[in-house]
C-alpha cells in the first residue's frame, strides 16, 4: 500500500516512518512510504497512486493545505491527514475532507487512532470484486 508523506522535518519523518512500520506490523499490512519535503514535490509525484497521504502544514513552496486543496481539485479522493505544530489551521484542513488533524509532537496512540480511521475509510471505499462461477463461465 503506497503512503505518501509530505514533511520537511527529518526528525518528524523518522518518527512517522517508525510509527507506520509498527502499525503495519501490528495489523499485518505492508506500506511503501514515499517522503517529500514540500507540497510541490508531492504534487509532481503522481499522488493519485497513493492509498493515503500525510501532510505537514508548514512547508516551503507549497504548504500542506494548499497541496491538499490542489489534490481535491484534481479529483483525488484518497484519505488525507494533517500533522502539524499549528492548531490554527484545523478548520481549514477539514474543508478539504481531511480524516485527521494531529498536533505535534504526535503520540503513537493518537497516530494509530487516526490510521484506524484511514484504514476503515479505505476498506469501505475500495471496490471489491466477486467472482461467480457457473459451469464453464465466470462473471465478475
Protein backbone atom coordinates (compact mmCIF):
# COMPACT_ATOMS: atom_id res chain seq x y z
CA UNK A 1 0.00 0.00 0.00
CA UNK A 2 1.55 3.30 -1.11
CA UNK A 3 1.69 6.01 1.55
CA UNK A 4 2.91 9.48 0.68
CA UNK A 5 4.24 11.78 3.38
CA UNK A 6 4.89 15.50 2.83
CA UNK A 7 7.02 16.63 5.76
CA UNK A 8 10.06 18.93 5.86
CA UNK A 9 11.39 17.90 9.30
CA UNK A 10 13.78 14.94 9.18
CA UNK A 11 13.06 14.11 12.83
CA UNK A 12 9.32 14.01 12.18
CA UNK A 13 9.87 11.89 9.06
CA UNK A 14 11.84 9.34 11.12
CA UNK A 15 9.08 9.21 13.74
CA UNK A 16 6.34 8.85 11.13
CA UNK A 17 8.19 6.06 9.33
CA UNK A 18 8.71 4.23 12.62
CA UNK A 19 5.03 4.64 13.51
CA UNK A 20 3.94 3.45 10.05
CA UNK A 21 6.25 0.44 10.25
CA UNK A 22 4.99 -0.52 13.72
CA UNK A 23 1.36 -0.06 12.70
CA UNK A 24 1.88 -2.16 9.56
CA UNK A 25 3.46 -5.00 11.55
CA UNK A 26 0.72 -4.87 14.20
CA UNK A 27 -2.00 -5.04 11.51
CA UNK A 28 -0.35 -7.45 9.06
CA UNK A 29 -0.04 -4.70 6.42
CA UNK A 30 2.73 -3.58 4.11
CA UNK A 31 3.37 0.12 3.49
CA UNK A 32 5.62 1.54 0.80
CA UNK A 33 6.41 5.04 2.06
CA UNK A 34 7.46 7.90 -0.21
CA UNK A 35 8.59 11.09 1.52
CA UNK A 36 8.55 14.61 0.08
CA UNK A 37 9.95 17.74 1.72
CA UNK A 38 7.22 20.06 0.42
CA UNK A 39 3.84 20.10 -1.27
CA UNK A 40 5.29 20.94 -4.68
CA UNK A 41 7.35 17.71 -4.75
CA UNK A 42 4.31 15.74 -3.65
CA UNK A 43 2.08 17.19 -6.37
CA UNK A 44 4.69 16.37 -9.03
CA UNK A 45 4.99 12.71 -7.93
CA UNK A 46 1.66 11.24 -9.16
CA UNK A 47 -0.07 11.41 -5.77
CA UNK A 48 -3.22 9.84 -7.23
CA UNK A 49 -1.45 6.48 -6.81
CA UNK A 50 -1.29 6.81 -3.01
CA UNK A 51 -3.63 4.87 -0.72
CA UNK A 52 -3.43 7.83 1.68
CA UNK A 53 -1.35 10.96 2.23
CA UNK A 54 0.01 12.51 5.42
CA UNK A 55 0.74 16.24 5.19
CA UNK A 56 2.59 18.70 7.35
CA UNK A 57 1.04 22.15 7.03
CA UNK A 58 4.06 24.42 7.36
CA UNK A 59 6.36 23.55 4.45
CA UNK A 60 8.28 25.60 1.91
CA UNK A 61 6.99 26.33 -1.61
CA UNK A 62 3.51 24.80 -1.24
CA UNK A 63 2.12 24.15 2.24
CA UNK A 64 0.04 21.13 3.20
CA UNK A 65 -3.36 22.82 2.98
CA UNK A 66 -2.60 24.24 -0.47
CA UNK A 67 -1.34 20.82 -1.62
CA UNK A 68 -4.48 19.13 -0.25
CA UNK A 69 -6.71 21.67 -1.99
CA UNK A 70 -4.90 21.01 -5.30
CA UNK A 71 -5.26 17.24 -4.81
CA UNK A 72 -9.01 17.63 -4.36
CA UNK A 73 -9.19 19.97 -7.39
CA UNK A 74 -7.54 17.20 -9.42
CA UNK A 75 -10.24 14.78 -8.30
CA UNK A 76 -8.08 12.79 -5.88
CA UNK A 77 -10.29 11.18 -3.24
CA UNK A 78 -7.78 9.27 -1.10
CA UNK A 79 -7.73 9.92 2.64
CA UNK A 80 -5.66 12.89 3.78
CA UNK A 81 -4.45 13.70 7.27
CA UNK A 82 -2.57 16.70 8.62
CA UNK A 83 0.30 16.56 11.07
CA UNK A 84 1.37 19.97 12.31
CA UNK A 85 2.52 22.30 15.05
CA UNK A 86 -0.32 24.67 14.21
CA UNK A 87 -3.81 24.16 15.56
CA UNK A 88 -4.97 27.38 13.83
CA UNK A 89 -5.37 25.53 10.50
CA UNK A 90 -7.60 22.76 11.84
CA UNK A 91 -10.86 24.07 10.40
CA UNK A 92 -9.27 24.88 7.06
CA UNK A 93 -7.87 21.35 6.95
CA UNK A 94 -11.31 19.86 7.19
CA UNK A 95 -12.54 21.92 4.21
CA UNK A 96 -10.53 19.54 2.01
CA UNK A 97 -12.05 16.47 3.64
CA UNK A 98 -9.14 15.54 5.90
CA UNK A 99 -9.73 12.45 8.03
CA UNK A 100 -7.35 13.56 10.73
CA UNK A 101 -5.50 16.51 12.19
CA UNK A 102 -2.79 15.75 14.73
CA UNK A 103 -0.78 18.33 16.65
CA UNK A 104 2.95 17.64 17.06
CA UNK A 105 4.54 16.06 18.94
CA UNK A 106 2.39 13.12 17.89
CA UNK A 107 1.92 10.19 20.22
CA UNK A 108 1.84 6.68 18.79
CA UNK A 109 -1.61 6.18 20.35
CA UNK A 110 -3.18 9.18 18.56
CA UNK A 111 -1.38 8.21 15.34
CA UNK A 112 -2.82 4.69 15.45
CA UNK A 113 -6.32 6.03 16.09
CA UNK A 114 -6.01 8.22 13.01
CA UNK A 115 -4.64 5.32 10.93
CA UNK A 116 -7.52 3.14 12.10
CA UNK A 117 -9.94 5.77 10.69
CA UNK A 118 -7.97 5.89 7.44
CA UNK A 119 -7.91 2.11 7.10
CA UNK A 120 -11.66 1.88 7.77
CA UNK A 121 -12.33 4.58 5.17
CA UNK A 122 -10.05 2.86 2.64
CA UNK A 123 -11.68 -0.52 3.19
CA UNK A 124 -15.19 0.92 2.79
CA UNK A 125 -14.30 2.82 -0.38
CA UNK A 126 -12.25 0.16 -2.16
CA UNK A 127 -14.18 -1.73 -4.81
CA UNK A 128 -14.46 -5.44 -4.11
CA UNK A 129 -14.91 -7.93 -6.91
CA UNK A 130 -16.87 -11.14 -6.52
CA UNK A 131 -16.37 -13.94 -8.99
CA UNK A 132 -19.40 -16.13 -9.62
CA UNK A 133 -18.64 -19.37 -11.40
CA UNK A 134 -21.43 -21.18 -13.21
CA UNK A 135 -20.41 -24.23 -15.15
CA UNK A 136 -17.62 -23.23 -17.51
CA UNK A 137 -18.12 -19.46 -17.25
CA UNK A 138 -17.24 -16.89 -14.63
CA UNK A 139 -18.83 -13.50 -14.01
CA UNK A 140 -17.37 -10.62 -12.01
